Amino acid sequence: MKHPVGPILRMCDEVELVVEAIRDDNPERDIEVIDRGAYVRVQADGYLRVTEESLKHHLGDGFHLRSLEGMLSSFAGRIKTASDHIEWTLMASPNAPAR
């Protein structure tokens, strides 16, 4: 993967369900999941997103987008949060290739 972006999640019972929500929101993207034991890196090339709707579908109506922030140990790329989704994008850099 040339430009990986996405969340790095602390290991917990909900990690697999969060990964499924991310997969649902990015059906056209090749998503790589790397299990490091204490954390899981979820990444795609250049862009990744997750919506509160998908998270609630997999984790229940009591799960809110802000709950995901507590699971994030870090992330790759630039993060943008909105009231109903989170996006990870390639960081802008003078040396970055045009997309």
PDB file of N, CA and C in Angstrom:
ATOM      1  N   MET A   1       0.850  -1.169   0.000  1.00  0.00           N
ATOM      2  CA  MET A   1       0.000   0.000   0.000  1.00  0.00           C
ATOM      3  C   MET A   1       0.898   1.235   0.000  1.00  0.00           C
ATOM      4  N   LYS A   2       0.676   2.104  -0.954  1.00  0.00           N
ATOM      5  CA  LYS A   2       1.561   3.246  -1.150  1.00  0.00           C
ATOM      6  C   LYS A   2       1.301   4.393  -0.168  1.00  0.00           C
ATOM      7  N   HIS A   3       0.018   4.692   0.108  1.00  0.00           N
ATOM      8  CA  HIS A   3      -0.341   5.813   0.984  1.00  0.00           C
ATOM      9  C   HIS A   3      -1.383   5.362   2.010  1.00  0.00           C
ATOM     10  N   PRO A   4      -1.008   4.554   3.006  1.00  0.00           N
ATOM     11  CA  PRO A   4      -1.991   4.042   3.964  1.00  0.00           C
ATOM     12  C   PRO A   4      -2.519   5.130   4.897  1.00  0.00           C
ATOM     13  N   VAL A   5      -3.835   5.150   5.061  1.00  0.00           N
ATOM     14  CA  VAL A   5      -4.496   6.042   6.011  1.00  0.00           C
ATOM     15  C   VAL A   5      -5.559   5.238   6.742  1.00  0.00           C
ATOM     16  N   GLY A   6      -5.866   5.658   7.974  1.00  0.00           N
ATOM     17  CA  GLY A   6      -6.921   5.004   8.729  1.00  0.00           C
ATOM     18  C   GLY A   6      -6.627   4.953  10.211  1.00  0.00           C
ATOM     19  N   PRO A   7      -7.567   4.383  10.976  1.00  0.00           N
ATOM     20  CA  PRO A   7      -7.434   4.363  12.434  1.00  0.00           C
ATOM     21  C   PRO A   7      -6.521   3.257  12.937  1.00  0.00           C
ATOM     22  N   ILE A   8      -5.956   3.509  14.099  1.00  0.00           N
ATOM     23  CA  ILE A   8      -5.249   2.492  14.866  1.00  0.00           C
ATOM     24  C   ILE A   8      -6.055   2.346  16.150  1.00  0.00           C
ATOM     25  N   LEU A   9      -6.672   1.183  16.322  1.00  0.00           N
ATOM     26  CA  LEU A   9      -7.635   0.964  17.399  1.00  0.00           C
ATOM     27  C   LEU A   9      -7.030   0.132  18.516  1.00  0.00           C
ATOM     28  N   ARG A  10      -7.281   0.557  19.757  1.00  0.00           N
ATOM     29  CA  ARG A  10      -6.893  -0.259  20.910  1.00  0.00           C
ATOM     30  C   ARG A  10      -7.661  -1.569  20.850  1.00  0.00           C
ATOM     31  N   MET A  11      -7.030  -2.649  21.234  1.00  0.00           N
ATOM     32  CA  MET A  11      -7.701  -3.940  21.232  1.00  0.00           C
ATOM     33  C   MET A  11      -8.809  -3.945  22.288  1.00  0.00           C
ATOM     34  N   CYS A  12     -10.002  -4.338  21.867  1.00  0.00           N
ATOM     35  CA  CYS A  12     -11.144  -4.472  22.762  1.00  0.00           C
ATOM     36  C   CYS A  12     -12.155  -5.393  22.091  1.00  0.00           C
ATOM     37  N   ASP A  13     -13.213  -5.716  22.797  1.00  0.00           N
ATOM     38  CA  ASP A  13     -14.215  -6.646  22.272  1.00  0.00           C
ATOM     39  C   ASP A  13     -14.897  -6.145  21.005  1.00  0.00           C
ATOM     40  N   GLU A  14     -14.987  -4.835  20.825  1.00  0.00           N
ATOM     41  CA  GLU A  14     -15.726  -4.259  19.707  1.00  0.00           C
ATOM     42  C   GLU A  14     -14.915  -4.063  18.429  1.00  0.00           C
ATOM     43  N   VAL A  15     -13.615  -4.330  18.461  1.00  0.00           N
ATOM     44  CA  VAL A  15     -12.750  -4.023  17.317  1.00  0.00           C
ATOM     45  C   VAL A  15     -13.252  -4.672  16.031  1.00  0.00           C
ATOM     46  N   GLU A  16     -13.592  -5.934  16.061  1.00  0.00           N
ATOM     47  CA  GLU A  16     -14.038  -6.617  14.839  1.00  0.00           C
ATOM     48  C   GLU A  16     -15.306  -5.984  14.279  1.00  0.00           C
ATOM     49  N   LEU A  17     -16.197  -5.540  15.163  1.00  0.00           N
ATOM     50  CA  LEU A  17     -17.434  -4.897  14.704  1.00  0.00           C
ATOM     51  C   LEU A  17     -17.156  -3.533  14.088  1.00  0.00           C
ATOM     52  N   VAL A  18     -16.196  -2.802  14.648  1.00  0.00           N
ATOM     53  CA  VAL A  18     -15.802  -1.516  14.068  1.00  0.00           C
ATOM     54  C   VAL A  18     -15.202  -1.743  12.682  1.00  0.00           C
ATOM     55  N   VAL A  19     -14.380  -2.770  12.544  1.00  0.00           N
ATOM     56  CA  VAL A  19     -13.784  -3.091  11.239  1.00  0.00           C
ATOM     57  C   VAL A  19     -14.884  -3.412  10.230  1.00  0.00           C
ATOM     58  N   GLU A  20     -15.896  -4.155  10.634  1.00  0.00           N
ATOM     59  CA  GLU A  20     -17.016  -4.469   9.729  1.00  0.00           C
ATOM     60  C   GLU A  20     -17.752  -3.201   9.314  1.00  0.00           C
ATOM     61  N   ALA A  21     -17.949  -2.262  10.238  1.00  0.00           N
ATOM     62  CA  ALA A  21     -18.586  -0.989   9.899  1.00  0.00           C
ATOM     63  C   ALA A  21     -17.751  -0.219   8.885  1.00  0.00           C
ATOM     64  N   ILE A  22     -16.436  -0.205   9.074  1.00  0.00           N
ATOM     65  CA  ILE A  22     -15.542   0.473   8.132  1.00  0.00           C
ATOM     66  C   ILE A  22     -15.621  -0.196   6.764  1.00  0.00           C
ATOM     67  N   ARG A  23     -15.645  -1.515   6.733  1.00  0.00           N
ATOM     68  CA  ARG A  23     -15.771  -2.233   5.452  1.00  0.00           C
ATOM     69  C   ARG A  23     -17.087  -1.871   4.755  1.00  0.00           C
ATOM     70  N   ASP A  24     -18.172  -1.799   5.512  1.00  0.00           N
ATOM     71  CA  ASP A  24     -19.474  -1.430   4.934  1.00  0.00           C
ATOM     72  C   ASP A  24     -19.442  -0.045   4.292  1.00  0.00           C
ATOM     73  N   ASP A  25     -18.740   0.887   4.941  1.00  0.00           N
ATOM     74  CA  ASP A  25     -18.703   2.268   4.445  1.00  0.00           C
ATOM     75  C   ASP A  25     -17.700   2.490   3.314  1.00  0.00           C
ATOM     76  N   ASN A  26     -16.895   1.486   3.010  1.00  0.00           N
ATOM     77  CA  ASN A  26     -15.863   1.605   1.976  1.00  0.00           C
ATOM     78  C   ASN A  26     -15.856   0.380   1.072  1.00  0.00           C
ATOM     79  N   PRO A  27     -16.992   0.033   0.460  1.00  0.00           N
ATOM     80  CA  PRO A  27     -17.068  -1.215  -0.305  1.00  0.00           C
ATOM     81  C   PRO A  27     -16.136  -1.254  -1.523  1.00  0.00           C
ATOM     82  N   GLU A  28     -15.773  -0.105  -2.046  1.00  0.00           N
ATOM     83  CA  GLU A  28     -14.938  -0.061  -3.245  1.00  0.00           C
ATOM     84  C   GLU A  28     -13.443  -0.044  -2.921  1.00  0.00           C
ATOM     85  N   ARG A  29     -13.090   0.007  -1.632  1.00  0.00           N
ATOM     86  CA  ARG A  29     -11.693   0.142  -1.240  1.00  0.00           C
ATOM     87  C   ARG A  29     -11.123  -1.191  -0.754  1.00  0.00           C
ATOM     88  N   ASP A  30      -9.847  -1.392  -1.019  1.00  0.00           N
ATOM     89  CA  ASP A  30      -9.123  -2.546  -0.500  1.00  0.00           C
ATOM     90  C   ASP A  30      -8.639  -2.172   0.900  1.00  0.00           C
ATOM     91  N   ILE A  31      -9.224  -2.798   1.926  1.00  0.00           N
ATOM     92  CA  ILE A  31      -8.913  -2.466   3.316  1.00  0.00           C
ATOM     93  C   ILE A  31      -8.012  -3.541   3.897  1.00  0.00           C
ATOM     94  N   GLU A  32      -6.942  -3.089   4.513  1.00  0.00           N
ATOM     95  CA  GLU A  32      -5.994  -3.991   5.157  1.00  0.00           C
ATOM     96  C   GLU A  32      -6.155  -3.855   6.671  1.00  0.00           C
ATOM     97  N   VAL A  33      -6.240  -4.980   7.374  1.00  0.00           N
ATOM     98  CA  VAL A  33      -6.349  -5.009   8.828  1.00  0.00           C
ATOM     99  C   VAL A  33      -5.116  -5.731   9.362  1.00  0.00           C
ATOM    100  N   ILE A  34      -4.350  -5.044  10.186  1.00  0.00           N
ATOM    101  CA  ILE A  34      -3.124  -5.597  10.746  1.00  0.00           C
ATOM    102  C   ILE A  34      -3.290  -5.694  12.257  1.00  0.00           C
ATOM    103  N   ASP A  35      -3.326  -6.913  12.768  1.00  0.00           N
ATOM    104  CA  ASP A  35      -3.484  -7.171  14.201  1.00  0.00           C
ATOM    105  C   ASP A  35      -2.110  -7.214  14.846  1.00  0.00           C
ATOM    106  N   ARG A  36      -1.843  -6.293  15.747  1.00  0.00           N
ATOM    107  CA  ARG A  36      -0.560  -6.230  16.446  1.00  0.00           C
ATOM    108  C   ARG A  36      -0.678  -6.680  17.906  1.00  0.00           C
ATOM    109  N   GLY A  37      -1.778  -7.334  18.245  1.00  0.00           N
ATOM    110  CA  GLY A  37      -1.973  -7.816  19.607  1.00  0.00           C
ATOM    111  C   GLY A  37      -2.619  -6.781  20.503  1.00  0.00           C
ATOM    112  N   ALA A  38      -1.910  -5.716  20.830  1.00  0.00           N
ATOM    113  CA  ALA A  38      -2.448  -4.656  21.684  1.00  0.00           C
ATOM    114  C   ALA A  38      -3.280  -3.647  20.898  1.00  0.00           C
ATOM    115  N   TYR A  39      -3.091  -3.614  19.591  1.00  0.00           N
ATOM    116  CA  TYR A  39      -3.852  -2.692  18.752  1.00  0.00           C
ATOM    117  C   TYR A  39      -4.051  -3.299  17.369  1.00  0.00           C
ATOM    118  N   VAL A  40      -4.996  -2.705  16.634  1.00  0.00           N
ATOM    119  CA  VAL A  40      -5.299  -3.131  15.272  1.00  0.00           C
ATOM    120  C   VAL A  40      -5.204  -1.912  14.368  1.00  0.00           C
ATOM    121  N   ARG A  41      -4.418  -2.041  13.327  1.00  0.00           N
ATOM    122  CA  ARG A  41      -4.293  -0.967  12.328  1.00  0.00           C
ATOM    123  C   ARG A  41      -5.255  -1.299  11.182  1.00  0.00           C
ATOM    124  N   VAL A  42      -6.139  -0.357  10.862  1.00  0.00           N
ATOM    125  CA  VAL A  42      -7.083  -0.517   9.754  1.00  0.00           C
ATOM    126  C   VAL A  42      -6.708   0.546   8.734  1.00  0.00           C
ATOM    127  N   GLN A  43      -6.420   0.134   7.495  1.00  0.00           N
ATOM    128  CA  GLN A  43      -5.929   1.117   6.537  1.00  0.00           C
ATOM    129  C   GLN A  43      -6.374   0.811   5.115  1.00  0.00           C
ATOM    130  N   ALA A  44      -6.431   1.875   4.348  1.00  0.00           N
ATOM    131  CA  ALA A  44      -6.695   1.806   2.915  1.00  0.00           C
ATOM    132  C   ALA A  44      -5.771   2.824   2.258  1.00  0.00           C
ATOM    133  N   ASP A  45      -5.659   2.749   0.966  1.00  0.00           N
ATOM    134  CA  ASP A  45      -4.761   3.635   0.237  1.00  0.00           C
ATOM    135  C   ASP A  45      -5.424   4.985  -0.022  1.00  0.00           C
ATOM    136  N   GLY A  46      -4.988   6.028   0.711  1.00  0.00           N
ATOM    137  CA  GLY A  46      -5.387   7.398   0.428  1.00  0.00           C
ATOM    138  C   GLY A  46      -6.665   7.911   1.060  1.00  0.00           C
ATOM    139  N   TYR A  47      -7.646   7.045   1.351  1.00  0.00           N
ATOM    140  CA  TYR A  47      -8.924   7.525   1.884  1.00  0.00           C
ATOM    141  C   TYR A  47      -9.654   6.394   2.598  1.00  0.00           C
ATOM    142  N   LEU A  48     -10.275   6.742   3.730  1.00  0.00           N
ATOM    143  CA  LEU A  48     -11.086   5.786   4.480  1.00  0.00           C
ATOM    144  C   LEU A  48     -12.098   6.577   5.294  1.00  0.00           C
ATOM    145  N   ARG A  49     -13.280   6.002   5.483  1.00  0.00           N
ATOM    146  CA  ARG A  49     -14.295   6.683   6.297  1.00  0.00           C
ATOM    147  C   ARG A  49     -15.106   5.664   7.058  1.00  0.00           C
ATOM    148  N   VAL A  50     -15.759   6.147   8.114  1.00  0.00           N
ATOM    149  CA  VAL A  50     -16.729   5.347   8.850  1.00  0.00           C
ATOM    150  C   VAL A  50     -17.860   6.280   9.283  1.00  0.00           C
ATOM    151  N   THR A  51     -19.084   5.784   9.206  1.00  0.00           N
ATOM    152  CA  THR A  51     -20.247   6.589   9.572  1.00  0.00           C
ATOM    153  C   THR A  51     -20.835   6.096  10.885  1.00  0.00           C
ATOM    154  N   GLU A  52     -21.499   7.002  11.578  1.00  0.00           N
ATOM    155  CA  GLU A  52     -22.186   6.627  12.811  1.00  0.00           C
ATOM    156  C   GLU A  52     -23.285   5.609  12.514  1.00  0.00           C
ATOM    157  N   GLU A  53     -23.933   5.735  11.381  1.00  0.00           N
ATOM    158  CA  GLU A  53     -24.985   4.797  10.993  1.00  0.00           C
ATOM    159  C   GLU A  53     -24.445   3.358  10.921  1.00  0.00           C
ATOM    160  N   SER A  54     -23.310   3.172  10.278  1.00  0.00           N
ATOM    161  CA  SER A  54     -22.721   1.831  10.180  1.00  0.00           C
ATOM    162  C   SER A  54     -22.261   1.319  11.538  1.00  0.00           C
ATOM    163  N   LEU A  55     -21.685   2.195  12.338  1.00  0.00           N
ATOM    164  CA  LEU A  55     -21.258   1.792  13.675  1.00  0.00           C
ATOM    165  C   LEU A  55     -22.457   1.334  14.505  1.00  0.00           C
ATOM    166  N   LYS A  56     -23.558   2.075  14.434  1.00  0.00           N
ATOM    167  CA  LYS A  56     -24.768   1.698  15.178  1.00  0.00           C
ATOM    168  C   LYS A  56     -25.345   0.393  14.648  1.00  0.00           C
ATOM    169  N   HIS A  57     -25.264   0.188  13.348  1.00  0.00           N
ATOM    170  CA  HIS A  57     -25.763  -1.059  12.758  1.00  0.00           C
ATOM    171  C   HIS A  57     -25.024  -2.269  13.342  1.00  0.00           C
ATOM    172  N   HIS A  58     -23.729  -2.153  13.513  1.00  0.00           N
ATOM    173  CA  HIS A  58     -22.916  -3.272  13.996  1.00  0.00           C
ATOM    174  C   HIS A  58     -22.803  -3.341  15.518  1.00  0.00           C
ATOM    175  N   LEU A  59     -22.824  -2.180  16.182  1.00  0.00           N
ATOM    176  CA  LEU A  59     -22.566  -2.142  17.620  1.00  0.00           C
ATOM    177  C   LEU A  59     -23.797  -1.800  18.458  1.00  0.00           C
ATOM    178  N   GLY A  60     -24.903  -1.471  17.811  1.00  0.00           N
ATOM    179  CA  GLY A  60     -26.126  -1.133  18.536  1.00  0.00           C
ATOM    180  C   GLY A  60     -26.369   0.356  18.598  1.00  0.00           C
ATOM    181  N   ASP A  61     -27.626   0.718  18.851  1.00  0.00           N
ATOM    182  CA  ASP A  61     -28.026   2.127  18.863  1.00  0.00           C
ATOM    183  C   ASP A  61     -27.345   2.943  19.956  1.00  0.00           C
ATOM    184  N   GLY A  62     -26.852   2.295  20.990  1.00  0.00           N
ATOM    185  CA  GLY A  62     -26.182   3.008  22.073  1.00  0.00           C
ATOM    186  C   GLY A  62     -24.769   3.439  21.739  1.00  0.00           C
ATOM    187  N   PHE A  63     -24.231   2.967  20.612  1.00  0.00           N
ATOM    188  CA  PHE A  63     -22.872   3.337  20.223  1.00  0.00           C
ATOM    189  C   PHE A  63     -22.914   4.614  19.405  1.00  0.00           C
ATOM    190  N   HIS A  64     -22.167   5.611  19.844  1.00  0.00           N
ATOM    191  CA  HIS A  64     -22.121   6.893  19.138  1.00  0.00           C
ATOM    192  C   HIS A  64     -20.733   7.115  18.564  1.00  0.00           C
ATOM    193  N   LEU A  65     -20.656   7.952  17.577  1.00  0.00           N
ATOM    194  CA  LEU A  65     -19.386   8.226  16.905  1.00  0.00           C
ATOM    195  C   LEU A  65     -18.316   8.656  17.902  1.00  0.00           C
ATOM    196  N   ARG A  66     -18.695   9.446  18.881  1.00  0.00           N
ATOM    197  CA  ARG A  66     -17.716   9.904  19.877  1.00  0.00           C
ATOM    198  C   ARG A  66     -17.149   8.732  20.683  1.00  0.00           C
ATOM    199  N   SER A  67     -17.889   7.613  20.756  1.00  0.00           N
ATOM    200  CA  SER A  67     -17.386   6.424  21.458  1.00  0.00           C
ATOM    201  C   SER A  67     -16.173   5.842  20.740  1.00  0.00           C
ATOM    202  N   LEU A  68     -16.111   6.011  19.434  1.00  0.00           N
ATOM    203  CA  LEU A  68     -14.978   5.508  18.657  1.00  0.00           C
ATOM    204  C   LEU A  68     -13.693   6.240  19.040  1.00  0.00           C
ATOM    205  N   GLU A  69     -13.802   7.510  19.384  1.00  0.00           N
ATOM    206  CA  GLU A  69     -12.616   8.297  19.734  1.00  0.00           C
ATOM    207  C   GLU A  69     -11.873   7.685  20.916  1.00  0.00           C
ATOM    208  N   GLY A  70     -12.591   7.079  21.850  1.00  0.00           N
ATOM    209  CA  GLY A  70     -11.961   6.436  22.991  1.00  0.00           C
ATOM    210  C   GLY A  70     -11.210   5.165  22.620  1.00  0.00           C
ATOM    211  N   MET A  71     -11.551   4.593  21.475  1.00  0.00           N
ATOM    212  CA  MET A  71     -10.879   3.381  20.996  1.00  0.00           C
ATOM    213  C   MET A  71      -9.646   3.705  20.160  1.00  0.00           C
ATOM    214  N   LEU A  72      -9.544   4.943  19.684  1.00  0.00           N
ATOM    215  CA  LEU A  72      -8.424   5.337  18.828  1.00  0.00           C
ATOM    216  C   LEU A  72      -7.155   5.539  19.645  1.00  0.00           C
ATOM    217  N   SER A  73      -6.127   4.777  19.347  1.00  0.00           N
ATOM    218  CA  SER A  73      -4.847   5.050  19.998  1.00  0.00           C
ATOM    219  C   SER A  73      -4.020   5.989  19.126  1.00  0.00           C
ATOM    220  N   SER A  74      -4.307   5.968  17.833  1.00  0.00           N
ATOM    221  CA  SER A  74      -3.623   6.840  16.885  1.00  0.00           C
ATOM    222  C   SER A  74      -4.320   6.696  15.536  1.00  0.00           C
ATOM    223  N   PHE A  75      -3.740   7.290  14.509  1.00  0.00           N
ATOM    224  CA  PHE A  75      -4.255   7.150  13.151  1.00  0.00           C
ATOM    225  C   PHE A  75      -3.177   7.554  12.173  1.00  0.00           C
ATOM    226  N   ALA A  76      -3.347   7.122  10.942  1.00  0.00           N
ATOM    227  CA  ALA A  76      -2.433   7.502   9.872  1.00  0.00           C
ATOM    228  C   ALA A  76      -3.189   8.414   8.913  1.00  0.00           C
ATOM    229  N   GLY A  77      -2.548   9.486   8.482  1.00  0.00           N
ATOM    230  CA  GLY A  77      -3.185  10.427   7.574  1.00  0.00           C
ATOM    231  C   GLY A  77      -3.757  11.617   8.333  1.00  0.00           C
ATOM    232  N   ARG A  78      -4.585  12.352   7.659  1.00  0.00           N
ATOM    233  CA  ARG A  78      -5.271  13.510   8.242  1.00  0.00           C
ATOM    234  C   ARG A  78      -6.673  13.065   8.604  1.00  0.00           C
ATOM    235  N   ILE A  79      -7.123  13.392   9.803  1.00  0.00           N
ATOM    236  CA  ILE A  79      -8.453  13.000  10.257  1.00  0.00           C
ATOM    237  C   ILE A  79      -9.399  14.194  10.186  1.00  0.00           C
ATOM    238  N   LYS A  80     -10.627  13.921   9.747  1.00  0.00           N
ATOM    239  CA  LYS A  80     -11.666  14.947   9.698  1.00  0.00           C
ATOM    240  C   LYS A  80     -12.902  14.344  10.345  1.00  0.00           C
ATOM    241  N   THR A  81     -13.394  14.995  11.382  1.00  0.00           N
ATOM    242  CA  THR A  81     -14.587  14.499  12.057  1.00  0.00           C
ATOM    243  C   THR A  81     -15.766  15.405  11.758  1.00  0.00           C
ATOM    244  N   ALA A  82     -16.909  14.796  11.616  1.00  0.00           N
ATOM    245  CA  ALA A  82     -18.179  15.505  11.441  1.00  0.00           C
ATOM    246  C   ALA A  82     -19.164  14.898  12.437  1.00  0.00           C
ATOM    247  N   SER A  83     -20.354  15.401  12.483  1.00  0.00           N
ATOM    248  CA  SER A  83     -21.328  14.893  13.451  1.00  0.00           C
ATOM    249  C   SER A  83     -21.762  13.467  13.140  1.00  0.00           C
ATOM    250  N   ASP A  84     -21.635  13.049  11.869  1.00  0.00           N
ATOM    251  CA  ASP A  84     -22.133  11.714  11.508  1.00  0.00           C
ATOM    252  C   ASP A  84     -21.096  10.807  10.850  1.00  0.00           C
ATOM    253  N   HIS A  85     -19.842  11.257  10.728  1.00  0.00           N
ATOM    254  CA  HIS A  85     -18.804  10.402  10.140  1.00  0.00           C
ATOM    255  C   HIS A  85     -17.404  10.895  10.495  1.00  0.00           C
ATOM    256  N   ILE A  86     -16.442  10.010  10.292  1.00  0.00           N
ATOM    257  CA  ILE A  86     -15.027  10.348  10.413  1.00  0.00           C
ATOM    258  C   ILE A  86     -14.349   9.918   9.115  1.00  0.00           C
ATOM    259  N   GLU A  87     -13.461  10.767   8.604  1.00  0.00           N
ATOM    260  CA  GLU A  87     -12.703  10.462   7.393  1.00  0.00           C
ATOM    261  C   GLU A  87     -11.217  10.560   7.687  1.00  0.00           C
ATOM    262  N   TRP A  88     -10.457   9.682   7.058  1.00  0.00           N
ATOM    263  CA  TRP A  88      -9.000   9.746   7.084  1.00  0.00           C
ATOM    264  C   TRP A  88      -8.556   9.923   5.644  1.00  0.00           C
ATOM    265  N   THR A  89      -7.718  10.928   5.386  1.00  0.00           N
ATOM    266  CA  THR A  89      -7.248  11.214   4.037  1.00  0.00           C
ATOM    267  C   THR A  89      -5.739  11.336   4.033  1.00  0.00           C
ATOM    268  N   LEU A  90      -5.199  11.324   2.840  1.00  0.00           N
ATOM    269  CA  LEU A  90      -3.763  11.511   2.656  1.00  0.00           C
ATOM    270  C   LEU A  90      -3.411  12.930   3.078  1.00  0.00           C
ATOM    271  N   MET A  91      -2.346  13.048   3.837  1.00  0.00           N
ATOM    272  CA  MET A  91      -1.905  14.379   4.281  1.00  0.00           C
ATOM    273  C   MET A  91      -1.391  15.176   3.091  1.00  0.00           C
ATOM    274  N   ALA A  92      -1.739  16.430   3.061  1.00  0.00           N
ATOM    275  CA  ALA A  92      -1.229  17.302   2.015  1.00  0.00           C
ATOM    276  C   ALA A  92       0.248  17.580   2.280  1.00  0.00           C
ATOM    277  N   SER A  93       1.029  17.453   1.250  1.00  0.00           N
ATOM    278  CA  SER A  93       2.465  17.679   1.367  1.00  0.00           C
ATOM    279  C   SER A  93       2.962  18.212   0.044  1.00  0.00           C
ATOM    280  N   PRO A  94       3.948  19.097   0.053  1.00  0.00           N
ATOM    281  CA  PRO A  94       4.481  19.595  -1.216  1.00  0.00           C
ATOM    282  C   PRO A  94       5.058  18.485  -2.087  1.00  0.00           C
ATOM    283  N   ASN A  95       5.476  17.383  -1.477  1.00  0.00           N
ATOM    284  CA  ASN A  95       6.065  16.279  -2.225  1.00  0.00           C
ATOM    285  C   ASN A  95       5.063  15.173  -2.543  1.00  0.00           C
ATOM    286  N   ALA A  96       3.822  15.321  -2.075  1.00  0.00           N
ATOM    287  CA  ALA A  96       2.821  14.285  -2.313  1.00  0.00           C
ATOM    288  C   ALA A  96       2.397  14.297  -3.777  1.00  0.00           C
ATOM    289  N   PRO A  97       2.178  13.117  -4.350  1.00  0.00           N
ATOM    290  CA  PRO A  97       1.724  13.064  -5.736  1.00  0.00           C
ATOM    291  C   PRO A  97       0.299  13.592  -5.871  1.00  0.00           C
ATOM    292  N   ALA A  98      -0.003  14.179  -6.998  1.00  0.00           N
ATOM    293  CA  ALA A  98      -1.362  14.680  -7.249  1.00  0.00           C
ATOM    294  C   ALA A  98      -2.320  13.499  -7.376  1.00  0.00           C
ATOM    295  N   ARG A  99      -3.533  13.650  -6.876  1.00  0.00           N
ATOM    296  CA  ARG A  99      -4.534  12.582  -6.926  1.00  0.00           C
ATOM    297  C   ARG A  99      -5.632  12.957  -7.871  1.00  0.00           C
TER     298      ARG A  99
END
